[in-house]
Amino acid sequence: MDLWEQFRAGCRAFLSAGTDRAVRQILLLDAPTVLGWDEWRAMDEEASARHLADALTALASAGIIADQPVEPLTRLLSGAMNEAALWVAQGGNAEAAEQALDRLVTGLRPTS
């Protein structure tokens, strides 16, 4: 699987995890409350946000997405995926969220 497909698969897996009741309850609902927002954010940055930044850096280095600062892009995409996962967890349409996310990230690719 190439870098782009790996990235898309990772994004889809993140959204998909939000449909699991246990994951949704523990990671998306309880953790920010129990740990506190700052601690939860720090843990998120060390885990999923770090992997997202690594993937975006690799995509930019390979010329698959437009060269741009990775940190703000990581934060924007992480926030979008967290919100989409929460929306799905609260009964939103998982397939619609996945399609919207795919359209969003496809916009990162340079037009030729």
C-alpha atoms as a PDB file:
ATOM      1  CA  MET A   1       0.000   0.000   0.000  1.00  0.00           C
ATOM      2  CA  ASP A   2       1.434   3.392  -0.943  1.00  0.00           C
ATOM      3  CA  LEU A   3       1.814   6.339   1.463  1.00  0.00           C
ATOM      4  CA  TRP A   4      -1.402   8.025   0.344  1.00  0.00           C
ATOM      5  CA  GLU A   5      -3.491   4.881   0.813  1.00  0.00           C
ATOM      6  CA  GLN A   6      -1.855   4.233   4.198  1.00  0.00           C
ATOM      7  CA  PHE A   7      -2.790   7.765   5.267  1.00  0.00           C
ATOM      8  CA  ARG A   8      -6.390   7.387   4.095  1.00  0.00           C
ATOM      9  CA  ALA A   9      -6.664   3.981   5.786  1.00  0.00           C
ATOM     10  CA  GLY A  10      -5.403   5.472   9.051  1.00  0.00           C
ATOM     11  CA  CYS A  11      -7.957   8.274   8.871  1.00  0.00           C
ATOM     12  CA  ARG A  12     -10.749   5.785   8.205  1.00  0.00           C
ATOM     13  CA  ALA A  13      -9.561   3.568  11.076  1.00  0.00           C
ATOM     14  CA  PHE A  14      -9.651   6.518  13.460  1.00  0.00           C
ATOM     15  CA  LEU A  15     -13.240   7.314  12.530  1.00  0.00           C
ATOM     16  CA  SER A  16     -14.193   3.663  12.652  1.00  0.00           C
ATOM     17  CA  ALA A  17     -12.828   3.306  16.187  1.00  0.00           C
ATOM     18  CA  GLY A  18     -15.321   5.942  17.291  1.00  0.00           C
ATOM     19  CA  THR A  19     -18.196   3.628  16.384  1.00  0.00           C
ATOM     20  CA  ASP A  20     -17.090   1.070  19.009  1.00  0.00           C
ATOM     21  CA  ARG A  21     -19.120   1.765  22.179  1.00  0.00           C
ATOM     22  CA  ALA A  22     -16.240   1.072  24.582  1.00  0.00           C
ATOM     23  CA  VAL A  23     -13.759   3.184  22.629  1.00  0.00           C
ATOM     24  CA  ARG A  24     -16.279   5.988  22.283  1.00  0.00           C
ATOM     25  CA  GLN A  25     -17.115   6.010  25.981  1.00  0.00           C
ATOM     26  CA  ILE A  26     -13.564   5.731  27.291  1.00  0.00           C
ATOM     27  CA  LEU A  27     -11.541   7.776  24.796  1.00  0.00           C
ATOM     28  CA  LEU A  28     -13.957  10.379  23.527  1.00  0.00           C
ATOM     29  CA  LEU A  29     -16.288  10.995  26.449  1.00  0.00           C
ATOM     30  CA  ASP A  30     -14.763   9.894  29.767  1.00  0.00           C
ATOM     31  CA  ALA A  31     -11.063  10.569  29.223  1.00  0.00           C
ATOM     32  CA  PRO A  32     -11.271  14.348  28.730  1.00  0.00           C
ATOM     33  CA  THR A  33     -13.476  14.631  31.825  1.00  0.00           C
ATOM     34  CA  VAL A  34     -11.497  12.296  34.093  1.00  0.00           C
ATOM     35  CA  LEU A  35      -8.020  13.378  33.003  1.00  0.00           C
ATOM     36  CA  GLY A  36      -8.820  17.001  32.360  1.00  0.00           C
ATOM     37  CA  TRP A  37      -8.633  18.720  28.987  1.00  0.00           C
ATOM     38  CA  ASP A  38      -4.916  19.607  29.169  1.00  0.00           C
ATOM     39  CA  GLU A  39      -3.798  16.094  30.128  1.00  0.00           C
ATOM     40  CA  TRP A  40      -6.068  14.498  27.531  1.00  0.00           C
ATOM     41  CA  ARG A  41      -4.706  16.825  24.833  1.00  0.00           C
ATOM     42  CA  ALA A  42      -1.108  16.052  25.835  1.00  0.00           C
ATOM     43  CA  MET A  43      -1.795  12.322  25.603  1.00  0.00           C
ATOM     44  CA  ASP A  44      -3.553  12.783  22.256  1.00  0.00           C
ATOM     45  CA  GLU A  45      -0.582  14.724  20.908  1.00  0.00           C
ATOM     46  CA  GLU A  46       1.842  11.993  22.001  1.00  0.00           C
ATOM     47  CA  ALA A  47      -0.246   9.275  20.399  1.00  0.00           C
ATOM     48  CA  SER A  48      -2.507   9.905  17.439  1.00  0.00           C
ATOM     49  CA  ALA A  49      -1.430  13.474  16.640  1.00  0.00           C
ATOM     50  CA  ARG A  50       2.227  12.406  16.484  1.00  0.00           C
ATOM     51  CA  HIS A  51       1.383   9.637  14.037  1.00  0.00           C
ATOM     52  CA  LEU A  52      -0.702  12.044  11.978  1.00  0.00           C
ATOM     53  CA  ALA A  53       2.183  14.541  11.871  1.00  0.00           C
ATOM     54  CA  ASP A  54       4.605  11.798  10.816  1.00  0.00           C
ATOM     55  CA  ALA A  55       2.255  10.701   8.022  1.00  0.00           C
ATOM     56  CA  LEU A  56       1.750  14.270   6.787  1.00  0.00           C
ATOM     57  CA  THR A  57       5.511  14.908   6.847  1.00  0.00           C
ATOM     58  CA  ALA A  58       6.121  11.770   4.787  1.00  0.00           C
ATOM     59  CA  LEU A  59       3.389  12.739   2.302  1.00  0.00           C
ATOM     60  CA  ALA A  60       4.797  16.254   1.894  1.00  0.00           C
ATOM     61  CA  SER A  61       8.368  14.974   1.539  1.00  0.00           C
ATOM     62  CA  ALA A  62       7.233  12.563  -1.176  1.00  0.00           C
ATOM     63  CA  GLY A  63       5.393  15.354  -3.008  1.00  0.00           C
ATOM     64  CA  ILE A  64       2.052  13.576  -2.537  1.00  0.00           C
ATOM     65  CA  ILE A  65       0.535  16.577  -0.773  1.00  0.00           C
ATOM     66  CA  ALA A  66       1.472  20.202  -1.210  1.00  0.00           C
ATOM     67  CA  ASP A  67       4.502  21.263   0.833  1.00  0.00           C
ATOM     68  CA  GLN A  68       3.255  23.231   3.831  1.00  0.00           C
ATOM     69  CA  PRO A  69       3.827  23.642   7.568  1.00  0.00           C
ATOM     70  CA  VAL A  70       2.856  20.316   9.132  1.00  0.00           C
ATOM     71  CA  GLU A  71       2.049  21.442  12.688  1.00  0.00           C
ATOM     72  CA  PRO A  72      -0.985  23.603  11.901  1.00  0.00           C
ATOM     73  CA  LEU A  73      -2.196  21.069   9.343  1.00  0.00           C
ATOM     74  CA  THR A  74      -1.886  18.292  11.942  1.00  0.00           C
ATOM     75  CA  ARG A  75      -3.899  20.285  14.459  1.00  0.00           C
ATOM     76  CA  LEU A  76      -6.592  21.121  11.922  1.00  0.00           C
ATOM     77  CA  LEU A  77      -6.982  17.541  10.732  1.00  0.00           C
ATOM     78  CA  SER A  78      -6.781  16.126  14.255  1.00  0.00           C
ATOM     79  CA  GLY A  79      -9.510  18.483  15.405  1.00  0.00           C
ATOM     80  CA  ALA A  80     -11.666  17.656  12.395  1.00  0.00           C
ATOM     81  CA  MET A  81     -11.273  13.917  12.952  1.00  0.00           C
ATOM     82  CA  ASN A  82     -11.931  14.203  16.704  1.00  0.00           C
ATOM     83  CA  GLU A  83     -15.115  16.169  16.014  1.00  0.00           C
ATOM     84  CA  ALA A  84     -16.212  13.733  13.323  1.00  0.00           C
ATOM     85  CA  ALA A  85     -15.572  10.785  15.652  1.00  0.00           C
ATOM     86  CA  LEU A  86     -17.657  12.472  18.368  1.00  0.00           C
ATOM     87  CA  TRP A  87     -20.418  13.146  15.863  1.00  0.00           C
ATOM     88  CA  VAL A  88     -20.403   9.515  14.751  1.00  0.00           C
ATOM     89  CA  ALA A  89     -20.328   8.403  18.404  1.00  0.00           C
ATOM     90  CA  GLN A  90     -23.477  10.432  19.035  1.00  0.00           C
ATOM     91  CA  GLY A  91     -25.329   8.720  16.211  1.00  0.00           C
ATOM     92  CA  GLY A  92     -23.977  10.497  13.129  1.00  0.00           C
ATOM     93  CA  ASN A  93     -23.612   8.613   9.882  1.00  0.00           C
ATOM     94  CA  ALA A  94     -20.166   6.955   9.877  1.00  0.00           C
ATOM     95  CA  GLU A  95     -20.140   6.489   6.113  1.00  0.00           C
ATOM     96  CA  ALA A  96     -20.981  10.155   5.518  1.00  0.00           C
ATOM     97  CA  ALA A  97     -18.220  11.214   7.928  1.00  0.00           C
ATOM     98  CA  GLU A  98     -15.715   8.987   6.140  1.00  0.00           C
ATOM     99  CA  GLN A  99     -16.699  10.380   2.739  1.00  0.00           C
ATOM    100  CA  ALA A 100     -16.460  13.968   3.985  1.00  0.00           C
ATOM    101  CA  LEU A 101     -13.041  13.320   5.511  1.00  0.00           C
ATOM    102  CA  ASP A 102     -11.836  11.710   2.302  1.00  0.00           C
ATOM    103  CA  ARG A 103     -12.938  14.766   0.299  1.00  0.00           C
ATOM    104  CA  LEU A 104     -11.213  17.029   2.817  1.00  0.00           C
ATOM    105  CA  VAL A 105      -7.844  15.249   2.701  1.00  0.00           C
ATOM    106  CA  THR A 106      -7.993  14.820  -1.070  1.00  0.00           C
ATOM    107  CA  GLY A 107      -7.911  18.616  -1.189  1.00  0.00           C
ATOM    108  CA  LEU A 108      -4.360  18.475   0.196  1.00  0.00           C
ATOM    109  CA  ARG A 109      -3.073  16.941  -3.016  1.00  0.00           C
ATOM    110  CA  PRO A 110      -1.553  19.319  -5.542  1.00  0.00           C
ATOM    111  CA  THR A 111      -3.590  19.884  -8.651  1.00  0.00           C
ATOM    112  CA  SER A 112      -1.857  19.204 -11.920  1.00  0.00           C
END
